[in-house]
Structures are given as structure tokens and as C-alpha cells.
N, C-alpha and C. Protein backbone atom coordinates (compact mmCIF):
# COMPACT_ATOMS: atom_id res chain seq x y z
N MET A 1 97.96 93.98 67.84
CA MET A 1 98.77 93.13 67.02
C MET A 1 98.93 91.74 67.64
N SER A 2 99.12 91.72 68.95
CA SER A 2 99.31 90.42 69.61
C SER A 2 98.01 89.61 69.58
N ASN A 3 96.86 90.30 69.58
CA ASN A 3 95.59 89.59 69.49
C ASN A 3 95.47 88.92 68.12
N PHE A 4 95.90 89.62 67.07
CA PHE A 4 95.86 89.05 65.73
C PHE A 4 96.77 87.83 65.63
N LEU A 5 97.99 87.89 66.22
CA LEU A 5 98.89 86.76 66.17
C LEU A 5 98.32 85.57 66.97
N GLY A 6 97.66 85.87 68.05
CA GLY A 6 97.04 84.80 68.84
C GLY A 6 95.96 84.10 68.05
N GLU A 7 95.12 84.88 67.38
CA GLU A 7 94.06 84.27 66.57
C GLU A 7 94.63 83.56 65.35
N ALA A 8 95.67 84.12 64.76
CA ALA A 8 96.29 83.49 63.59
C ALA A 8 96.89 82.15 63.99
N TRP A 9 97.47 82.10 65.20
CA TRP A 9 98.06 80.85 65.67
C TRP A 9 97.01 79.75 65.79
N TRP A 10 95.85 80.09 66.32
CA TRP A 10 94.79 79.10 66.44
C TRP A 10 94.30 78.65 65.07
N PHE A 11 94.25 79.59 64.15
CA PHE A 11 93.82 79.26 62.80
C PHE A 11 94.85 78.34 62.13
N LEU A 12 96.12 78.67 62.24
CA LEU A 12 97.17 77.84 61.66
C LEU A 12 97.27 76.48 62.34
N SER A 13 97.11 76.44 63.63
CA SER A 13 97.20 75.15 64.33
C SER A 13 96.05 74.23 63.93
N ALA A 14 94.96 74.79 63.48
CA ALA A 14 93.85 73.96 63.00
C ALA A 14 94.12 73.44 61.57
N LEU A 15 94.87 74.21 60.77
CA LEU A 15 95.12 73.82 59.39
C LEU A 15 96.39 72.98 59.20
N ILE A 16 97.35 73.09 60.07
CA ILE A 16 98.61 72.37 59.91
C ILE A 16 98.43 70.86 59.80
N PRO A 17 97.63 70.20 60.62
CA PRO A 17 97.46 68.75 60.42
C PRO A 17 96.88 68.38 59.07
N SER A 18 95.91 69.17 58.60
CA SER A 18 95.33 68.89 57.30
C SER A 18 96.34 69.10 56.18
N ILE A 19 97.11 70.16 56.30
CA ILE A 19 98.14 70.41 55.28
C ILE A 19 99.20 69.31 55.30
N GLY A 20 99.57 68.85 56.48
CA GLY A 20 100.53 67.76 56.61
C GLY A 20 100.01 66.47 56.00
N LEU A 21 98.76 66.16 56.24
CA LEU A 21 98.18 64.97 55.66
C LEU A 21 98.06 65.08 54.13
N LEU A 22 97.74 66.25 53.65
CA LEU A 22 97.67 66.48 52.21
C LEU A 22 99.04 66.28 51.58
N PHE A 23 100.08 66.81 52.21
CA PHE A 23 101.44 66.64 51.70
C PHE A 23 101.83 65.17 51.70
N LEU A 24 101.53 64.46 52.78
CA LEU A 24 101.84 63.04 52.88
C LEU A 24 101.10 62.25 51.80
N PHE A 25 99.83 62.55 51.59
CA PHE A 25 99.04 61.89 50.56
C PHE A 25 99.66 62.15 49.18
N TRP A 26 100.08 63.40 48.91
CA TRP A 26 100.67 63.76 47.63
C TRP A 26 101.96 62.99 47.39
N VAL A 27 102.80 62.89 48.42
CA VAL A 27 104.08 62.18 48.27
C VAL A 27 103.83 60.69 47.99
N ILE A 28 102.93 60.08 48.72
CA ILE A 28 102.63 58.66 48.54
C ILE A 28 102.04 58.42 47.15
N LEU A 29 101.10 59.24 46.74
CA LEU A 29 100.49 59.07 45.43
C LEU A 29 101.50 59.29 44.32
N LYS A 30 102.39 60.25 44.48
CA LYS A 30 103.44 60.50 43.48
C LYS A 30 104.34 59.28 43.34
N HIS A 31 104.72 58.65 44.45
CA HIS A 31 105.58 57.48 44.39
C HIS A 31 104.85 56.28 43.78
N ILE A 32 103.58 56.14 44.07
CA ILE A 32 102.80 55.04 43.49
C ILE A 32 102.72 55.22 41.97
N LEU A 33 102.45 56.42 41.51
CA LEU A 33 102.34 56.66 40.06
C LEU A 33 103.69 56.50 39.37
N GLU A 34 104.76 56.95 39.98
CA GLU A 34 106.08 56.77 39.39
C GLU A 34 106.46 55.29 39.33
N GLY A 35 106.14 54.54 40.38
CA GLY A 35 106.42 53.11 40.37
C GLY A 35 105.63 52.40 39.30
N ASP A 36 104.39 52.80 39.13
CA ASP A 36 103.56 52.19 38.06
C ASP A 36 104.13 52.49 36.69
N ARG A 37 104.57 53.73 36.48
CA ARG A 37 105.16 54.11 35.21
C ARG A 37 106.42 53.31 34.93
N ARG A 38 107.25 53.15 35.93
CA ARG A 38 108.49 52.37 35.75
C ARG A 38 108.19 50.90 35.49
N GLU A 39 107.19 50.38 36.19
CA GLU A 39 106.83 48.97 36.00
C GLU A 39 106.30 48.74 34.58
N ARG A 40 105.49 49.66 34.08
CA ARG A 40 104.96 49.52 32.72
C ARG A 40 106.09 49.61 31.69
N ALA A 41 107.05 50.48 31.92
CA ALA A 41 108.19 50.60 30.99
C ALA A 41 109.01 49.32 31.01
N ALA A 42 109.24 48.77 32.19
CA ALA A 42 110.01 47.51 32.30
C ALA A 42 109.25 46.39 31.63
N LEU A 43 107.95 46.35 31.78
CA LEU A 43 107.15 45.30 31.15
C LEU A 43 107.20 45.41 29.63
N ARG A 44 107.10 46.66 29.09
CA ARG A 44 107.22 46.86 27.65
C ARG A 44 108.58 46.39 27.14
N GLU A 45 109.62 46.71 27.89
CA GLU A 45 110.96 46.29 27.49
C GLU A 45 111.11 44.77 27.52
N TRP A 46 110.56 44.14 28.54
CA TRP A 46 110.63 42.67 28.64
C TRP A 46 109.85 42.01 27.50
N GLU A 47 108.64 42.54 27.21
CA GLU A 47 107.84 41.98 26.13
C GLU A 47 108.54 42.15 24.78
N ALA A 48 109.20 43.28 24.57
CA ALA A 48 109.92 43.50 23.31
C ALA A 48 111.07 42.49 23.19
N ALA A 49 111.76 42.23 24.30
CA ALA A 49 112.84 41.24 24.29
C ALA A 49 112.29 39.84 23.99
N GLN A 50 111.16 39.50 24.56
CA GLN A 50 110.55 38.21 24.31
C GLN A 50 110.13 38.09 22.84
N ASP A 51 109.59 39.17 22.29
CA ASP A 51 109.19 39.13 20.86
C ASP A 51 110.42 38.98 19.97
N ARG A 52 111.52 39.66 20.31
CA ARG A 52 112.74 39.51 19.51
C ARG A 52 113.26 38.08 19.59
N GLU A 53 113.23 37.48 20.78
CA GLU A 53 113.70 36.10 20.93
C GLU A 53 112.80 35.13 20.16
N ALA A 54 111.49 35.35 20.22
CA ALA A 54 110.57 34.47 19.49
C ALA A 54 110.78 34.60 17.99
N ALA A 55 111.01 35.82 17.52
CA ALA A 55 111.26 36.02 16.09
C ALA A 55 112.55 35.35 15.67
N ALA A 56 113.58 35.44 16.51
CA ALA A 56 114.86 34.79 16.19
C ALA A 56 114.69 33.27 16.15
N ARG A 57 113.94 32.73 17.11
CA ARG A 57 113.70 31.28 17.11
C ARG A 57 112.90 30.86 15.87
N GLY A 58 111.96 31.69 15.48
CA GLY A 58 111.17 31.38 14.27
C GLY A 58 112.03 31.36 13.04
N ARG A 59 112.96 32.32 12.94
CA ARG A 59 113.86 32.33 11.78
C ARG A 59 114.78 31.11 11.80
N GLU A 60 115.25 30.74 12.98
CA GLU A 60 116.12 29.57 13.09
C GLU A 60 115.38 28.29 12.71
N GLU A 61 114.12 28.16 13.16
CA GLU A 61 113.34 26.98 12.83
C GLU A 61 113.05 26.90 11.33
N LYS A 62 112.75 28.06 10.72
CA LYS A 62 112.52 28.05 9.28
C LYS A 62 113.77 27.67 8.51
N ALA A 63 114.90 28.15 8.97
CA ALA A 63 116.17 27.82 8.31
C ALA A 63 116.47 26.32 8.47
N ALA A 64 116.19 25.78 9.66
CA ALA A 64 116.42 24.35 9.89
C ALA A 64 115.48 23.50 9.04
N GLU A 65 114.22 23.93 8.93
CA GLU A 65 113.28 23.19 8.10
C GLU A 65 113.70 23.24 6.63
N ALA A 66 114.17 24.37 6.17
CA ALA A 66 114.57 24.50 4.76
C ALA A 66 115.78 23.66 4.46
N SER A 67 116.70 23.57 5.40
CA SER A 67 117.91 22.79 5.14
C SER A 67 117.67 21.29 5.30
N SER A 68 116.71 20.90 6.12
CA SER A 68 116.48 19.47 6.33
C SER A 68 115.38 18.91 5.43
N ALA A 69 114.68 19.78 4.74
CA ALA A 69 113.60 19.31 3.86
C ALA A 69 114.20 18.61 2.65
N PRO A 70 113.60 17.49 2.25
CA PRO A 70 114.15 16.80 1.08
C PRO A 70 113.93 17.64 -0.16
N SER A 71 114.95 17.71 -0.95
CA SER A 71 114.84 18.50 -2.18
C SER A 71 114.14 17.65 -3.23
N PRO A 72 113.35 18.26 -4.04
CA PRO A 72 112.64 17.50 -5.08
C PRO A 72 113.67 16.97 -6.10
N GLU A 73 113.46 15.69 -6.47
CA GLU A 73 114.38 15.07 -7.41
C GLU A 73 114.06 15.53 -8.82
N LYS A 74 115.11 15.75 -9.58
CA LYS A 74 114.92 16.17 -10.95
C LYS A 74 114.82 14.93 -11.84
N PRO A 75 113.90 14.90 -12.75
CA PRO A 75 113.75 13.72 -13.64
C PRO A 75 114.79 13.67 -14.72
């Protein structure tokens, strides 16, 4: 039994660094993907706000043009 534990220890000691690096890679990649997802969501939200502001400015400009345009004179 002790011989098996001795051999298992050598086997595990060879795999532990690789498993540790795999775990580290997984954590880093997970954070990169989550950050990208959050950045894309924030960008969509910002673009939607910009579109709403541009639409509001367009409506204001049209209203200003309509009120300042000379009305046709009636004969």
C-alpha cells in the first residue's frame, strides 16, 4: 500500500502544476470574457442614449423650423 501511495504522489506531483496552470488560464479567460460582455452591454446602452438624444434634437429642430418658417400668405 505504501508503494502505491509513493507512486501516486509522484504521479500527482507531475500533474499538479499543469492543473494549476489550467485553473489559472480558466479564471483569466473567464474574467476577460465577462469584461468583454459588460463592455459590449455598456456600449449598446451608450449608443441607445446617443440615438435618443439625436432623435430628440431632430424633433426640436423640426419644431423650430416649423415655427420660424414664413407662413404662406393668403390672397
